[in-house]
């Protein structure tokens, strides 16, 4: 009598193991890559050309007062700005040590497949940058290809 019971338990265990393996083999992998694409901007001191963190940095999208990307952030040598995939330009108001300028980027947008798990994101090729000169002296585009690598794309001299 014990033999059929053991065989039944083994069959049940094998069925449970097979079902578990099938469930996990069909589960998609999670996305391990960075999916957010941001324009990396580093601050440099005019005249010296050395990287320098302003005393405070405030950033928000032009026309979006109150939706701060950075608000009186101290010690920020590098900031990251989110471009708009639905447009071919974006503008930001940047306050450096309480003095405000507007920075406008023009770019082309193209879809980029990250992976099967992560799907698509948009990459950008920066065509140009215009800015006001209240505190910003110069803006240099160092890398016009904006990807998900969080690299330095522009240098802001103040």
Protein backbone atom coordinates (compact mmCIF):
# COMPACT_ATOMS: atom_id res chain seq x y z
CA UNK A 1 0.00 0.00 0.00
CA UNK A 2 2.83 2.42 0.60
CA UNK A 3 4.22 1.97 -2.90
CA UNK A 4 1.31 3.68 -4.78
CA UNK A 5 1.33 6.51 -2.25
CA UNK A 6 5.08 7.19 -2.79
CA UNK A 7 4.62 7.03 -6.55
CA UNK A 8 1.71 9.48 -6.29
CA UNK A 9 3.79 11.87 -4.18
CA UNK A 10 6.69 11.70 -6.65
CA UNK A 11 4.34 12.33 -9.58
CA UNK A 12 2.80 15.30 -7.77
CA UNK A 13 6.24 16.71 -6.92
CA UNK A 14 7.41 16.31 -10.53
CA UNK A 15 4.27 18.05 -11.80
CA UNK A 16 4.75 20.91 -9.31
CA UNK A 17 8.43 21.27 -10.28
CA UNK A 18 7.61 21.29 -14.00
CA UNK A 19 4.88 23.91 -13.52
CA UNK A 20 7.21 26.12 -11.48
CA UNK A 21 9.97 25.89 -14.10
CA UNK A 22 7.55 26.77 -16.89
CA UNK A 23 6.23 29.77 -14.98
CA UNK A 24 9.68 31.21 -14.38
CA UNK A 25 10.97 30.45 -17.87
CA UNK A 26 8.15 32.56 -19.36
CA UNK A 27 8.61 35.49 -17.00
CA UNK A 28 10.22 38.44 -18.77
CA UNK A 29 13.50 39.73 -17.39
CA UNK A 30 13.33 43.05 -15.60
CA UNK A 31 14.93 46.12 -17.11
CA UNK A 32 18.36 46.73 -15.58
CA UNK A 33 19.38 49.63 -17.85
CA UNK A 34 19.01 53.36 -17.30
CA UNK A 35 15.99 54.44 -19.35
CA UNK A 36 15.94 58.17 -18.60
CA UNK A 37 17.82 60.35 -21.09
CA UNK A 38 19.13 63.63 -19.69
CA UNK A 39 21.34 66.49 -20.87
CA UNK A 40 24.39 66.63 -18.58
CA UNK A 41 25.56 70.17 -17.80
CA UNK A 42 28.75 70.92 -15.84
CA UNK A 43 29.53 74.29 -14.28
CA UNK A 44 32.86 76.02 -14.88
CA UNK A 45 34.26 79.28 -13.54
CA UNK A 46 34.80 81.86 -16.30
CA UNK A 47 38.40 83.00 -16.62
CA UNK A 48 39.91 79.95 -14.92
CA UNK A 49 38.22 77.21 -16.92
CA UNK A 50 38.03 75.06 -13.77
CA UNK A 51 35.00 73.06 -12.80
CA UNK A 52 33.22 74.86 -9.97
CA UNK A 53 30.02 74.32 -8.07
CA UNK A 54 27.89 77.46 -7.68
CA UNK A 55 26.74 78.34 -4.17
CA UNK A 56 23.18 77.51 -5.26
CA UNK A 57 21.43 76.29 -8.40
CA UNK A 58 17.74 76.53 -9.21
CA UNK A 59 16.39 75.02 -12.44
CA UNK A 60 12.91 74.70 -13.89
CA UNK A 61 11.42 74.42 -17.36
CA UNK A 62 10.64 77.77 -18.98
CA UNK A 63 6.95 78.49 -18.40
CA UNK A 64 6.79 75.89 -15.62
CA UNK A 65 7.51 77.99 -12.56
CA UNK A 66 7.00 75.97 -9.41
CA UNK A 67 7.98 72.65 -11.04
CA UNK A 68 11.59 72.68 -9.95
CA UNK A 69 14.21 70.29 -11.28
CA UNK A 70 16.67 71.76 -8.75
CA UNK A 71 15.70 74.25 -6.05
CA UNK A 72 18.51 76.16 -4.34
CA UNK A 73 20.71 73.07 -4.58
CA UNK A 74 24.15 73.60 -3.06
CA UNK A 75 27.37 72.01 -4.29
CA UNK A 76 26.02 70.90 -7.69
CA UNK A 77 28.97 70.72 -10.11
CA UNK A 78 26.81 68.80 -12.59
CA UNK A 79 23.09 69.03 -13.27
CA UNK A 80 20.89 66.91 -15.54
CA UNK A 81 18.16 68.44 -17.68
CA UNK A 82 15.26 66.48 -19.22
CA UNK A 83 14.67 67.24 -22.93
CA UNK A 84 11.16 67.12 -24.41
CA UNK A 85 10.77 64.19 -26.84
CA UNK A 86 7.62 65.73 -28.34
CA UNK A 87 9.41 68.89 -29.45
CA UNK A 88 12.57 69.88 -31.31
CA UNK A 89 13.63 72.34 -28.60
CA UNK A 90 13.38 72.88 -24.85
CA UNK A 91 14.10 75.84 -22.56
CA UNK A 92 15.18 75.98 -18.95
CA UNK A 93 15.46 78.82 -16.48
CA UNK A 94 18.72 78.39 -14.57
CA UNK A 95 19.40 80.38 -11.41
CA UNK A 96 23.06 80.47 -10.43
CA UNK A 97 23.68 82.13 -7.06
CA UNK A 98 20.29 83.86 -7.33
CA UNK A 99 20.85 85.33 -10.82
CA UNK A 100 18.67 83.82 -13.56
CA UNK A 101 19.31 83.02 -17.22
CA UNK A 102 17.36 81.09 -19.83
CA UNK A 103 18.99 78.26 -21.75
CA UNK A 104 17.33 76.91 -24.92
CA UNK A 105 18.40 73.73 -26.73
CA UNK A 106 17.44 72.76 -30.27
CA UNK A 107 17.81 69.10 -31.22
CA UNK A 108 16.58 66.23 -33.32
CA UNK A 109 14.98 63.24 -31.65
CA UNK A 110 15.24 59.60 -32.66
CA UNK A 111 14.02 56.35 -31.05
CA UNK A 112 16.62 53.95 -29.70
CA UNK A 113 16.00 50.33 -28.67
CA UNK A 114 17.62 49.74 -25.29
CA UNK A 115 16.76 46.03 -25.03
CA UNK A 116 13.84 43.65 -25.27
CA UNK A 117 13.20 44.07 -21.54
CA UNK A 118 13.53 47.87 -21.45
CA UNK A 119 11.95 48.76 -24.77
CA UNK A 120 12.59 52.03 -26.57
CA UNK A 121 13.67 55.45 -25.38
CA UNK A 122 14.48 58.65 -27.26
CA UNK A 123 18.01 59.85 -27.91
CA UNK A 124 18.81 63.39 -29.07
CA UNK A 125 21.34 65.12 -31.28
CA UNK A 126 21.86 68.69 -30.11
CA UNK A 127 21.91 71.18 -32.97
CA UNK A 128 22.51 74.31 -30.92
CA UNK A 129 22.10 76.21 -27.71
CA UNK A 130 21.14 79.83 -27.06
CA UNK A 131 21.21 81.56 -23.68
CA UNK A 132 20.84 84.87 -21.92
CA UNK A 133 23.92 86.40 -20.30
CA UNK A 134 22.95 87.67 -16.85
CA UNK A 135 25.42 85.35 -15.11
CA UNK A 136 26.18 82.76 -17.79
CA UNK A 137 29.19 83.84 -19.83
CA UNK A 138 29.52 80.97 -22.30
CA UNK A 139 27.92 77.61 -23.07
CA UNK A 140 29.97 75.01 -24.94
CA UNK A 141 28.45 71.85 -26.40
CA UNK A 142 31.01 69.14 -25.63
CA UNK A 143 29.00 66.14 -26.76
CA UNK A 144 25.99 66.73 -29.00
CA UNK A 145 24.72 63.13 -28.68
CA UNK A 146 22.43 62.90 -25.64
CA UNK A 147 21.93 59.31 -24.48
CA UNK A 148 21.12 57.42 -21.28
CA UNK A 149 24.77 57.42 -20.13
CA UNK A 150 24.51 60.62 -18.04
CA UNK A 151 27.58 62.15 -19.67
CA UNK A 152 28.70 65.77 -19.83
CA UNK A 153 26.97 67.26 -22.86
CA UNK A 154 27.48 70.94 -22.18
CA UNK A 155 29.71 73.20 -20.13
CA UNK A 156 28.22 76.30 -18.55
CA UNK A 157 30.72 79.05 -17.71
CA UNK A 158 29.63 81.63 -15.13
